[in-house]
């Protein structure tokens, strides 16, 4: 954001400052009057890859919220009955177990690993999907999103994609492509 708005703010500053808002407003007004350029939404620099670890971290956060609610209810029930709760009664693994079971069983991006051969396993782990939570839907995507953008060359394989309704929405990393490099 600092680069886009021409600001010299240190990277360790992770909160918004008044000058950030003023610079963003100035940039938007400039675009309104034709003085700036819009970012290409299909360029890879404007996309973010959510790793499995990010999705699992979100699920873990949900499980901790559920566990907190269970502990609160247990403590309130123990106080109501004039009992002293023990740590074994307070903390159970049920919220964590049910959250992860539902994630791996019901999440739209969760699949069974194809173990036909080692090469299939490697290719399965290098898949990219535009679908899923926070992503696109199969029905509402247009041709421009499914098409190959020049920023994809050398990074995303244009040949290895699905046919039919998923064409261009599920792709693979190119052979020497690395995320974050």
N, C-alpha and C. Protein backbone atom coordinates (compact mmCIF):
# COMPACT_ATOMS: atom_id res chain seq x y z
N UNK A 1 0.83 -1.18 0.00
CA UNK A 1 0.00 0.00 0.00
C UNK A 1 0.87 1.25 0.00
N UNK A 2 1.97 1.21 0.75
CA UNK A 2 2.86 2.36 0.79
C UNK A 2 3.40 2.69 -0.59
N UNK A 3 3.76 1.66 -1.35
CA UNK A 3 4.31 1.87 -2.68
C UNK A 3 3.25 2.44 -3.62
N UNK A 4 2.04 1.92 -3.53
CA UNK A 4 0.95 2.38 -4.40
C UNK A 4 0.59 3.83 -4.11
N UNK A 5 0.63 4.24 -2.84
CA UNK A 5 0.25 5.60 -2.45
C UNK A 5 1.45 6.55 -2.35
N UNK A 6 2.64 6.08 -2.69
CA UNK A 6 3.87 6.88 -2.63
C UNK A 6 4.13 7.43 -1.23
N UNK A 7 4.04 6.56 -0.24
CA UNK A 7 4.29 6.94 1.15
C UNK A 7 5.59 6.30 1.63
N UNK A 8 6.29 7.00 2.49
CA UNK A 8 7.52 6.47 3.09
C UNK A 8 7.26 6.13 4.55
N UNK A 9 6.53 5.06 4.77
CA UNK A 9 6.20 4.63 6.13
C UNK A 9 6.91 3.31 6.37
N UNK A 10 7.56 3.13 7.52
CA UNK A 10 8.28 1.87 7.79
C UNK A 10 7.35 0.65 7.73
N UNK A 11 7.91 -0.49 7.33
CA UNK A 11 7.13 -1.72 7.20
C UNK A 11 6.62 -2.23 8.54
N UNK A 12 7.32 -1.91 9.63
CA UNK A 12 6.89 -2.40 10.94
C UNK A 12 5.69 -1.62 11.48
N UNK A 13 5.28 -0.55 10.82
CA UNK A 13 4.10 0.20 11.21
C UNK A 13 2.88 -0.48 10.58
N UNK A 14 2.11 -1.19 11.39
CA UNK A 14 1.03 -2.03 10.86
C UNK A 14 -0.36 -1.45 11.09
N UNK A 15 -0.45 -0.20 11.51
CA UNK A 15 -1.76 0.39 11.71
C UNK A 15 -1.91 1.61 10.82
N UNK A 16 -3.16 1.99 10.56
CA UNK A 16 -3.43 3.11 9.67
C UNK A 16 -3.15 4.44 10.37
N UNK A 17 -2.56 5.33 9.62
CA UNK A 17 -2.31 6.68 10.10
C UNK A 17 -3.23 7.64 9.33
N UNK A 18 -3.45 8.84 9.86
CA UNK A 18 -4.29 9.80 9.12
C UNK A 18 -3.76 10.09 7.71
N UNK A 19 -2.44 10.11 7.55
CA UNK A 19 -1.90 10.39 6.21
C UNK A 19 -2.15 9.23 5.25
N UNK A 20 -2.32 7.99 5.76
CA UNK A 20 -2.70 6.87 4.90
C UNK A 20 -4.07 7.10 4.29
N UNK A 21 -5.00 7.52 5.13
CA UNK A 21 -6.38 7.75 4.67
C UNK A 21 -6.41 8.92 3.70
N UNK A 22 -5.66 9.99 4.00
CA UNK A 22 -5.61 11.14 3.10
C UNK A 22 -4.99 10.76 1.75
N UNK A 23 -3.93 9.97 1.78
CA UNK A 23 -3.28 9.55 0.53
C UNK A 23 -4.20 8.64 -0.28
N UNK A 24 -4.93 7.74 0.38
CA UNK A 24 -5.87 6.86 -0.33
C UNK A 24 -7.00 7.67 -0.94
N UNK A 25 -7.51 8.64 -0.20
CA UNK A 25 -8.57 9.51 -0.72
C UNK A 25 -8.07 10.31 -1.90
N UNK A 26 -6.86 10.85 -1.79
CA UNK A 26 -6.26 11.62 -2.89
C UNK A 26 -6.09 10.75 -4.13
N UNK A 27 -5.67 9.50 -3.94
CA UNK A 27 -5.50 8.58 -5.06
C UNK A 27 -6.84 8.27 -5.74
N UNK A 28 -7.88 8.06 -4.94
CA UNK A 28 -9.21 7.77 -5.50
C UNK A 28 -9.77 8.97 -6.25
N UNK A 29 -9.57 10.17 -5.71
CA UNK A 29 -10.04 11.38 -6.40
C UNK A 29 -9.28 11.55 -7.71
N UNK A 30 -7.98 11.29 -7.67
CA UNK A 30 -7.19 11.38 -8.90
C UNK A 30 -7.66 10.39 -9.95
N UNK A 31 -8.03 9.18 -9.55
CA UNK A 31 -8.54 8.20 -10.50
C UNK A 31 -9.88 8.63 -11.08
N UNK A 32 -10.68 9.28 -10.26
CA UNK A 32 -11.99 9.76 -10.73
C UNK A 32 -11.81 10.76 -11.86
N UNK A 33 -10.76 11.57 -11.78
CA UNK A 33 -10.51 12.57 -12.81
C UNK A 33 -9.48 12.11 -13.84
N UNK A 34 -9.21 10.82 -13.91
CA UNK A 34 -8.36 10.26 -14.94
C UNK A 34 -6.88 10.46 -14.73
N UNK A 35 -6.44 10.73 -13.52
CA UNK A 35 -5.03 11.00 -13.26
C UNK A 35 -4.26 9.77 -12.79
N UNK A 36 -4.93 8.68 -12.55
CA UNK A 36 -4.27 7.47 -12.08
C UNK A 36 -4.72 6.27 -12.89
N UNK A 37 -4.13 5.15 -12.61
CA UNK A 37 -4.53 3.93 -13.31
C UNK A 37 -5.05 2.92 -12.30
N UNK A 38 -6.04 2.18 -12.73
CA UNK A 38 -6.57 1.12 -11.89
C UNK A 38 -5.65 -0.09 -11.95
N UNK A 39 -5.56 -0.82 -10.87
CA UNK A 39 -4.79 -2.05 -10.85
C UNK A 39 -5.54 -3.12 -11.63
N UNK A 40 -4.80 -3.96 -12.32
CA UNK A 40 -5.39 -5.08 -13.05
C UNK A 40 -5.67 -6.19 -12.04
N UNK A 41 -6.94 -6.53 -11.86
CA UNK A 41 -7.29 -7.52 -10.84
C UNK A 41 -6.82 -8.93 -11.19
N UNK A 42 -6.47 -9.18 -12.45
CA UNK A 42 -6.00 -10.51 -12.84
C UNK A 42 -4.50 -10.66 -12.72
N UNK A 43 -3.77 -9.59 -12.43
CA UNK A 43 -2.32 -9.66 -12.27
C UNK A 43 -2.01 -10.38 -10.96
N UNK A 44 -1.00 -11.23 -10.98
CA UNK A 44 -0.67 -12.03 -9.80
C UNK A 44 -0.21 -11.18 -8.62
N UNK A 45 0.32 -9.99 -8.86
CA UNK A 45 0.74 -9.15 -7.74
C UNK A 45 -0.45 -8.65 -6.93
N UNK A 46 -1.65 -8.73 -7.50
CA UNK A 46 -2.85 -8.29 -6.80
C UNK A 46 -3.66 -9.46 -6.25
N UNK A 47 -3.08 -10.63 -6.22
CA UNK A 47 -3.77 -11.81 -5.69
C UNK A 47 -3.02 -12.32 -4.48
N UNK A 48 -3.75 -12.98 -3.62
CA UNK A 48 -3.16 -13.54 -2.40
C UNK A 48 -3.48 -15.03 -2.36
N UNK A 49 -2.48 -15.82 -2.07
CA UNK A 49 -2.68 -17.26 -1.94
C UNK A 49 -2.90 -17.58 -0.47
N UNK A 50 -4.00 -18.23 -0.18
CA UNK A 50 -4.26 -18.67 1.19
C UNK A 50 -3.80 -20.12 1.29
N UNK A 51 -2.84 -20.33 2.16
CA UNK A 51 -2.29 -21.66 2.36
C UNK A 51 -3.22 -22.48 3.25
N UNK A 52 -3.01 -23.78 3.25
CA UNK A 52 -3.79 -24.66 4.12
C UNK A 52 -3.60 -24.26 5.57
N UNK A 53 -2.38 -23.84 5.92
CA UNK A 53 -2.11 -23.43 7.30
C UNK A 53 -2.97 -22.23 7.70
N UNK A 54 -3.22 -21.31 6.77
CA UNK A 54 -4.08 -20.17 7.07
C UNK A 54 -5.51 -20.62 7.34
N UNK A 55 -5.99 -21.55 6.52
CA UNK A 55 -7.35 -22.06 6.72
C UNK A 55 -7.46 -22.82 8.04
N UNK A 56 -6.44 -23.62 8.36
CA UNK A 56 -6.45 -24.37 9.63
C UNK A 56 -6.35 -23.42 10.82
N UNK A 57 -5.61 -22.33 10.67
CA UNK A 57 -5.51 -21.35 11.75
C UNK A 57 -6.87 -20.71 12.02
N UNK A 58 -7.62 -20.41 10.96
CA UNK A 58 -8.97 -19.88 11.13
C UNK A 58 -9.86 -20.88 11.86
N UNK A 59 -9.75 -22.15 11.49
CA UNK A 59 -10.55 -23.18 12.15
C UNK A 59 -10.15 -23.34 13.61
N UNK A 60 -8.86 -23.24 13.90
CA UNK A 60 -8.39 -23.34 15.28
C UNK A 60 -8.93 -22.18 16.10
N UNK A 61 -8.98 -20.99 15.51
CA UNK A 61 -9.55 -19.83 16.19
C UNK A 61 -11.03 -20.07 16.52
N UNK A 62 -11.76 -20.65 15.57
CA UNK A 62 -13.17 -20.98 15.82
C UNK A 62 -13.31 -22.01 16.94
N UNK A 63 -12.42 -23.00 16.93
CA UNK A 63 -12.46 -24.04 17.96
C UNK A 63 -12.17 -23.45 19.33
N UNK A 64 -11.24 -22.51 19.41
CA UNK A 64 -10.95 -21.87 20.70
C UNK A 64 -12.12 -21.05 21.20
N UNK A 65 -12.84 -20.40 20.31
CA UNK A 65 -14.04 -19.65 20.71
C UNK A 65 -15.09 -20.61 21.25
N UNK A 66 -15.28 -21.75 20.58
CA UNK A 66 -16.22 -22.76 21.07
C UNK A 66 -15.79 -23.31 22.42
N UNK A 67 -14.48 -23.57 22.57
CA UNK A 67 -13.96 -24.07 23.84
C UNK A 67 -14.17 -23.04 24.95
N UNK A 68 -13.97 -21.77 24.64
CA UNK A 68 -14.20 -20.72 25.63
C UNK A 68 -15.66 -20.71 26.09
N UNK A 69 -16.58 -20.87 25.15
CA UNK A 69 -18.01 -20.91 25.51
C UNK A 69 -18.33 -22.12 26.38
N UNK A 70 -17.73 -23.27 26.06
CA UNK A 70 -17.95 -24.48 26.86
C UNK A 70 -17.42 -24.28 28.28
N UNK A 71 -16.24 -23.70 28.41
CA UNK A 71 -15.65 -23.46 29.74
C UNK A 71 -16.52 -22.49 30.53
N UNK A 72 -17.01 -21.44 29.89
CA UNK A 72 -17.88 -20.47 30.58
C UNK A 72 -19.16 -21.15 31.08
N UNK A 73 -19.77 -21.96 30.21
CA UNK A 73 -21.00 -22.65 30.62
C UNK A 73 -20.74 -23.62 31.76
N UNK A 74 -19.60 -24.33 31.70
CA UNK A 74 -19.26 -25.28 32.76
C UNK A 74 -19.03 -24.56 34.08
N UNK A 75 -18.32 -23.45 34.04
CA UNK A 75 -18.07 -22.68 35.27
C UNK A 75 -19.37 -22.13 35.83
N UNK A 76 -20.23 -21.59 34.97
CA UNK A 76 -21.52 -21.05 35.43
C UNK A 76 -22.38 -22.16 36.04
N UNK A 77 -22.39 -23.33 35.41
CA UNK A 77 -23.15 -24.46 35.96
C UNK A 77 -22.60 -24.93 37.28
N UNK A 78 -21.27 -24.94 37.41
CA UNK A 78 -20.65 -25.37 38.67
C UNK A 78 -20.94 -24.37 39.78
N UNK A 79 -20.91 -23.09 39.46
CA UNK A 79 -21.22 -22.07 40.48
C UNK A 79 -22.68 -22.18 40.90
N UNK A 80 -23.56 -22.43 39.94
CA UNK A 80 -24.98 -22.56 40.26
C UNK A 80 -25.24 -23.73 41.21
N UNK A 81 -24.50 -24.82 41.01
CA UNK A 81 -24.68 -26.01 41.85
C UNK A 81 -23.71 -26.04 43.03
N UNK A 82 -22.98 -24.94 43.23
CA UNK A 82 -22.02 -24.80 44.34
C UNK A 82 -20.96 -25.91 44.32
N UNK A 83 -20.40 -26.15 43.13
CA UNK A 83 -19.33 -27.13 42.97
C UNK A 83 -18.06 -26.40 42.55
N UNK A 84 -16.94 -27.06 42.77
CA UNK A 84 -15.66 -26.53 42.31
C UNK A 84 -15.25 -27.34 41.08
N UNK A 85 -15.20 -26.69 39.90
CA UNK A 85 -14.85 -27.44 38.69
C UNK A 85 -13.36 -27.77 38.65
N UNK A 86 -13.04 -28.94 38.15
CA UNK A 86 -11.64 -29.34 37.98
C UNK A 86 -11.22 -29.05 36.54
N UNK A 87 -9.93 -28.93 36.29
CA UNK A 87 -9.49 -28.68 34.91
C UNK A 87 -9.93 -29.78 33.94
N UNK A 88 -10.02 -31.01 34.42
CA UNK A 88 -10.46 -32.11 33.54
C UNK A 88 -11.92 -31.91 33.11
N UNK A 89 -12.73 -31.32 33.98
CA UNK A 89 -14.13 -31.08 33.64
C UNK A 89 -14.29 -29.84 32.77
N UNK A 90 -13.38 -28.89 32.92
CA UNK A 90 -13.51 -27.64 32.18
C UNK A 90 -13.11 -27.78 30.71
N UNK A 91 -11.96 -28.34 30.46
CA UNK A 91 -11.41 -28.37 29.11
C UNK A 91 -11.61 -29.75 28.50
N UNK A 92 -12.30 -29.78 27.36
CA UNK A 92 -12.48 -31.01 26.61
C UNK A 92 -11.98 -30.80 25.19
N UNK A 93 -11.68 -31.88 24.54
CA UNK A 93 -11.19 -31.77 23.16
C UNK A 93 -12.32 -31.79 22.14
N UNK A 94 -13.55 -31.88 22.59
CA UNK A 94 -14.68 -32.00 21.67
C UNK A 94 -14.80 -30.82 20.70
N UNK A 95 -14.72 -29.56 21.16
CA UNK A 95 -14.84 -28.46 20.18
C UNK A 95 -13.76 -28.49 19.10
N UNK A 96 -12.54 -28.81 19.50
CA UNK A 96 -11.45 -28.87 18.54
C UNK A 96 -11.66 -30.02 17.56
N UNK A 97 -12.05 -31.17 18.07
CA UNK A 97 -12.26 -32.34 17.23
C UNK A 97 -13.39 -32.11 16.24
N UNK A 98 -14.52 -31.60 16.71
CA UNK A 98 -15.66 -31.39 15.81
C UNK A 98 -15.36 -30.31 14.77
N UNK A 99 -14.64 -29.27 15.15
CA UNK A 99 -14.30 -28.21 14.20
C UNK A 99 -13.41 -28.75 13.09
N UNK A 100 -12.37 -29.51 13.46
CA UNK A 100 -11.48 -30.04 12.43
C UNK A 100 -12.15 -31.13 11.60
N UNK A 101 -12.99 -31.95 12.21
CA UNK A 101 -13.70 -32.97 11.44
C UNK A 101 -14.63 -32.32 10.41
N UNK A 102 -15.34 -31.27 10.82
CA UNK A 102 -16.22 -30.60 9.87
C UNK A 102 -15.42 -29.89 8.78
N UNK A 103 -14.25 -29.34 9.14
CA UNK A 103 -13.41 -28.67 8.14
C UNK A 103 -12.94 -29.66 7.08
N UNK A 104 -12.38 -30.78 7.51
CA UNK A 104 -11.85 -31.74 6.54
C UNK A 104 -12.95 -32.50 5.82
N UNK A 105 -14.12 -32.59 6.40
CA UNK A 105 -15.20 -33.33 5.76
C UNK A 105 -16.10 -32.48 4.89
N UNK A 106 -16.28 -31.20 5.23
CA UNK A 106 -17.27 -30.38 4.54
C UNK A 106 -16.72 -29.19 3.78
N UNK A 107 -15.47 -28.82 4.00
CA UNK A 107 -14.92 -27.63 3.35
C UNK A 107 -14.86 -27.84 1.84
N UNK A 108 -15.23 -26.83 1.04
CA UNK A 108 -15.26 -27.03 -0.41
C UNK A 108 -13.89 -27.29 -1.03
N UNK A 109 -12.81 -26.90 -0.37
CA UNK A 109 -11.47 -27.13 -0.92
C UNK A 109 -10.82 -28.39 -0.39
N UNK A 110 -11.47 -29.09 0.52
CA UNK A 110 -10.90 -30.31 1.10
C UNK A 110 -11.13 -31.49 0.17
N UNK A 111 -10.06 -32.22 -0.12
CA UNK A 111 -10.14 -33.37 -1.01
C UNK A 111 -9.33 -34.52 -0.42
N UNK A 112 -9.65 -35.71 -0.87
CA UNK A 112 -8.85 -36.88 -0.52
C UNK A 112 -7.61 -36.86 -1.41
N UNK A 113 -6.45 -37.08 -0.82
CA UNK A 113 -5.20 -37.04 -1.57
C UNK A 113 -5.14 -38.19 -2.57
N UNK A 114 -4.84 -37.85 -3.82
CA UNK A 114 -4.71 -38.86 -4.87
C UNK A 114 -3.36 -39.55 -4.73
N UNK A 115 -3.37 -40.80 -4.30
CA UNK A 115 -2.13 -41.54 -4.06
C UNK A 115 -1.88 -42.59 -5.12
N UNK A 116 -2.26 -42.29 -6.36
CA UNK A 116 -2.03 -43.24 -7.44
C UNK A 116 -0.54 -43.50 -7.61
N UNK A 117 0.24 -42.44 -7.63
CA UNK A 117 1.69 -42.55 -7.72
C UNK A 117 2.30 -41.29 -7.10
N UNK A 118 3.60 -41.29 -6.82
CA UNK A 118 4.22 -40.13 -6.16
C UNK A 118 4.10 -38.83 -6.97
N UNK A 119 4.12 -38.93 -8.29
CA UNK A 119 4.01 -37.73 -9.11
C UNK A 119 2.63 -37.10 -8.96
N UNK A 120 1.59 -37.93 -8.88
CA UNK A 120 0.23 -37.43 -8.67
C UNK A 120 0.13 -36.71 -7.33
N UNK A 121 0.79 -37.24 -6.29
CA UNK A 121 0.77 -36.60 -4.98
C UNK A 121 1.42 -35.22 -5.04
N UNK A 122 2.54 -35.11 -5.74
CA UNK A 122 3.22 -33.82 -5.86
C UNK A 122 2.34 -32.83 -6.61
N UNK A 123 1.74 -33.26 -7.71
CA UNK A 123 0.88 -32.38 -8.50
C UNK A 123 -0.35 -31.95 -7.71
N UNK A 124 -0.87 -32.86 -6.89
CA UNK A 124 -2.04 -32.54 -6.07
C UNK A 124 -1.70 -31.42 -5.08
N UNK A 125 -0.49 -31.43 -4.56
CA UNK A 125 -0.08 -30.41 -3.60
C UNK A 125 0.26 -29.07 -4.23
N UNK A 126 0.38 -29.02 -5.56
CA UNK A 126 0.74 -27.78 -6.25
C UNK A 126 -0.46 -27.15 -6.95
N UNK A 127 -1.66 -27.59 -6.62
CA UNK A 127 -2.87 -27.05 -7.23
C UNK A 127 -3.21 -25.69 -6.62
N UNK A 128 -3.73 -24.82 -7.44
CA UNK A 128 -4.24 -23.51 -7.03
C UNK A 128 -5.70 -23.44 -7.42
N UNK A 129 -6.52 -22.85 -6.56
CA UNK A 129 -7.94 -22.75 -6.84
C UNK A 129 -8.42 -21.33 -6.61
N UNK A 130 -9.20 -20.83 -7.54
CA UNK A 130 -9.84 -19.53 -7.37
C UNK A 130 -11.16 -19.68 -6.61
N UNK A 131 -11.56 -20.91 -6.35
CA UNK A 131 -12.85 -21.19 -5.71
C UNK A 131 -12.70 -21.24 -4.21
N UNK A 132 -13.81 -21.36 -3.51
CA UNK A 132 -13.78 -21.52 -2.06
C UNK A 132 -14.17 -20.24 -1.33
N UNK A 133 -14.13 -20.27 -0.01
CA UNK A 133 -14.50 -19.09 0.78
C UNK A 133 -13.58 -17.91 0.48
N UNK A 134 -14.18 -16.77 0.21
CA UNK A 134 -13.40 -15.59 -0.13
C UNK A 134 -12.96 -15.57 -1.58
N UNK A 135 -13.30 -16.59 -2.33
CA UNK A 135 -12.91 -16.68 -3.73
C UNK A 135 -14.10 -16.50 -4.65
N UNK A 136 -14.00 -17.09 -5.81
CA UNK A 136 -15.03 -16.96 -6.83
C UNK A 136 -15.98 -18.15 -6.79
N UNK A 137 -17.05 -18.06 -7.55
CA UNK A 137 -17.95 -19.19 -7.73
C UNK A 137 -17.89 -19.62 -9.19
N UNK A 138 -18.21 -20.86 -9.46
CA UNK A 138 -18.12 -21.39 -10.82
C UNK A 138 -19.06 -20.67 -11.77
N UNK A 139 -20.22 -20.32 -11.31
CA UNK A 139 -21.26 -19.76 -12.18
C UNK A 139 -21.05 -18.27 -12.48
N UNK A 140 -20.46 -17.53 -11.56
CA UNK A 140 -20.40 -16.08 -11.73
C UNK A 140 -19.09 -15.57 -12.32
N UNK A 141 -18.17 -16.45 -12.65
CA UNK A 141 -16.90 -15.99 -13.20
C UNK A 141 -17.04 -15.75 -14.70
N UNK A 142 -16.30 -14.77 -15.19
CA UNK A 142 -16.36 -14.46 -16.61
C UNK A 142 -15.12 -14.99 -17.32
N UNK A 143 -15.06 -14.73 -18.61
CA UNK A 143 -13.96 -15.23 -19.44
C UNK A 143 -12.63 -14.62 -19.02
N UNK A 144 -12.61 -13.36 -18.63
CA UNK A 144 -11.36 -12.67 -18.34
C UNK A 144 -10.67 -13.23 -17.11
N UNK A 145 -11.42 -13.74 -16.18
CA UNK A 145 -10.82 -14.35 -14.99
C UNK A 145 -10.24 -15.71 -15.34
N UNK A 146 -10.91 -16.44 -16.23
CA UNK A 146 -10.45 -17.77 -16.61
C UNK A 146 -9.28 -17.73 -17.60
N UNK A 147 -9.11 -16.61 -18.27
CA UNK A 147 -8.08 -16.49 -19.29
C UNK A 147 -6.69 -16.41 -18.67
N UNK A 148 -5.67 -16.64 -19.49
CA UNK A 148 -4.28 -16.58 -19.03
C UNK A 148 -3.81 -15.13 -19.08
N UNK A 149 -3.35 -14.62 -17.96
CA UNK A 149 -2.82 -13.26 -17.87
C UNK A 149 -1.31 -13.32 -18.11
N UNK A 150 -0.72 -12.30 -18.71
CA UNK A 150 0.74 -12.33 -18.93
C UNK A 150 1.56 -12.53 -17.66
N UNK A 151 1.05 -12.15 -16.51
CA UNK A 151 1.80 -12.35 -15.26
C UNK A 151 1.83 -13.82 -14.85
N UNK A 152 1.02 -14.67 -15.49
CA UNK A 152 0.99 -16.09 -15.16
C UNK A 152 2.15 -16.86 -15.78
N UNK A 153 2.74 -16.32 -16.85
CA UNK A 153 3.77 -17.06 -17.58
C UNK A 153 4.96 -17.35 -16.68
N UNK A 154 5.34 -18.61 -16.63
CA UNK A 154 6.45 -19.06 -15.79
C UNK A 154 6.05 -19.28 -14.35
N UNK A 155 4.82 -18.96 -14.00
CA UNK A 155 4.37 -19.11 -12.62
C UNK A 155 3.22 -20.11 -12.50
N UNK A 156 2.25 -20.00 -13.39
CA UNK A 156 1.09 -20.90 -13.39
C UNK A 156 1.06 -21.62 -14.73
N UNK A 157 0.92 -22.93 -14.68
CA UNK A 157 0.92 -23.75 -15.89
C UNK A 157 -0.37 -23.52 -16.67
N UNK A 158 -0.29 -23.05 -17.93
CA UNK A 158 -1.51 -22.79 -18.69
C UNK A 158 -2.15 -24.06 -19.25
N UNK A 159 -1.43 -25.16 -19.23
CA UNK A 159 -1.94 -26.40 -19.82
C UNK A 159 -2.69 -27.24 -18.80
N UNK A 160 -2.17 -27.33 -17.59
CA UNK A 160 -2.75 -28.20 -16.57
C UNK A 160 -3.90 -27.50 -15.87
N UNK A 161 -5.08 -27.58 -16.47
CA UNK A 161 -6.30 -27.04 -15.87
C UNK A 161 -7.43 -28.02 -16.16
N UNK A 162 -8.50 -27.89 -15.43
CA UNK A 162 -9.62 -28.79 -15.60
C UNK A 162 -10.45 -28.38 -16.81
N UNK A 163 -11.28 -29.29 -17.27
CA UNK A 163 -12.19 -29.01 -18.37
C UNK A 163 -13.57 -28.72 -17.81
N UNK A 164 -14.44 -28.25 -18.66
CA UNK A 164 -15.82 -28.01 -18.28
C UNK A 164 -15.98 -26.74 -17.47
N UNK A 165 -16.80 -26.81 -16.44
CA UNK A 165 -17.16 -25.62 -15.67
C UNK A 165 -15.99 -25.07 -14.85
N UNK A 166 -14.99 -25.90 -14.56
CA UNK A 166 -13.84 -25.46 -13.75
C UNK A 166 -12.66 -24.97 -14.60
N UNK A 167 -12.82 -24.84 -15.90
CA UNK A 167 -11.70 -24.46 -16.74
C UNK A 167 -11.18 -23.07 -16.33
N UNK A 168 -9.89 -22.98 -16.09
CA UNK A 168 -9.27 -21.73 -15.70
C UNK A 168 -9.41 -21.36 -14.24
N UNK A 169 -10.23 -22.08 -13.50
CA UNK A 169 -10.45 -21.76 -12.09
C UNK A 169 -9.58 -22.60 -11.16
N UNK A 170 -9.16 -23.76 -11.64
CA UNK A 170 -8.24 -24.61 -10.88
C UNK A 170 -7.03 -24.84 -11.77
N UNK A 171 -5.87 -24.44 -11.28
CA UNK A 171 -4.64 -24.51 -12.07
C UNK A 171 -3.54 -25.11 -11.23
N UNK A 172 -2.35 -25.22 -11.81
CA UNK A 172 -1.19 -25.75 -11.11
C UNK A 172 -0.04 -24.76 -11.21
N UNK A 173 0.82 -24.80 -10.21
CA UNK A 173 2.04 -24.00 -10.29
C UNK A 173 2.92 -24.53 -11.40
N UNK A 174 3.65 -23.65 -12.06
CA UNK A 174 4.61 -24.08 -13.08
C UNK A 174 5.73 -24.86 -12.40
N UNK A 175 6.53 -25.55 -13.20
CA UNK A 175 7.48 -26.52 -12.66
C UNK A 175 8.50 -25.90 -11.69
N UNK A 176 9.01 -24.71 -11.98
CA UNK A 176 10.01 -24.10 -11.11
C UNK A 176 9.43 -22.95 -10.29
N UNK A 177 8.13 -22.78 -10.29
CA UNK A 177 7.51 -21.67 -9.56
C UNK A 177 7.53 -21.93 -8.06
N UNK A 178 7.80 -20.89 -7.32
CA UNK A 178 7.77 -20.94 -5.86
C UNK A 178 6.92 -19.79 -5.36
N UNK A 179 6.16 -20.03 -4.34
CA UNK A 179 5.30 -18.99 -3.79
C UNK A 179 6.12 -18.11 -2.86
N UNK A 180 6.00 -16.81 -3.05
CA UNK A 180 6.70 -15.86 -2.19
C UNK A 180 8.10 -15.54 -2.65
N UNK A 181 8.51 -16.02 -3.83
CA UNK A 181 9.86 -15.74 -4.34
C UNK A 181 9.77 -14.90 -5.60
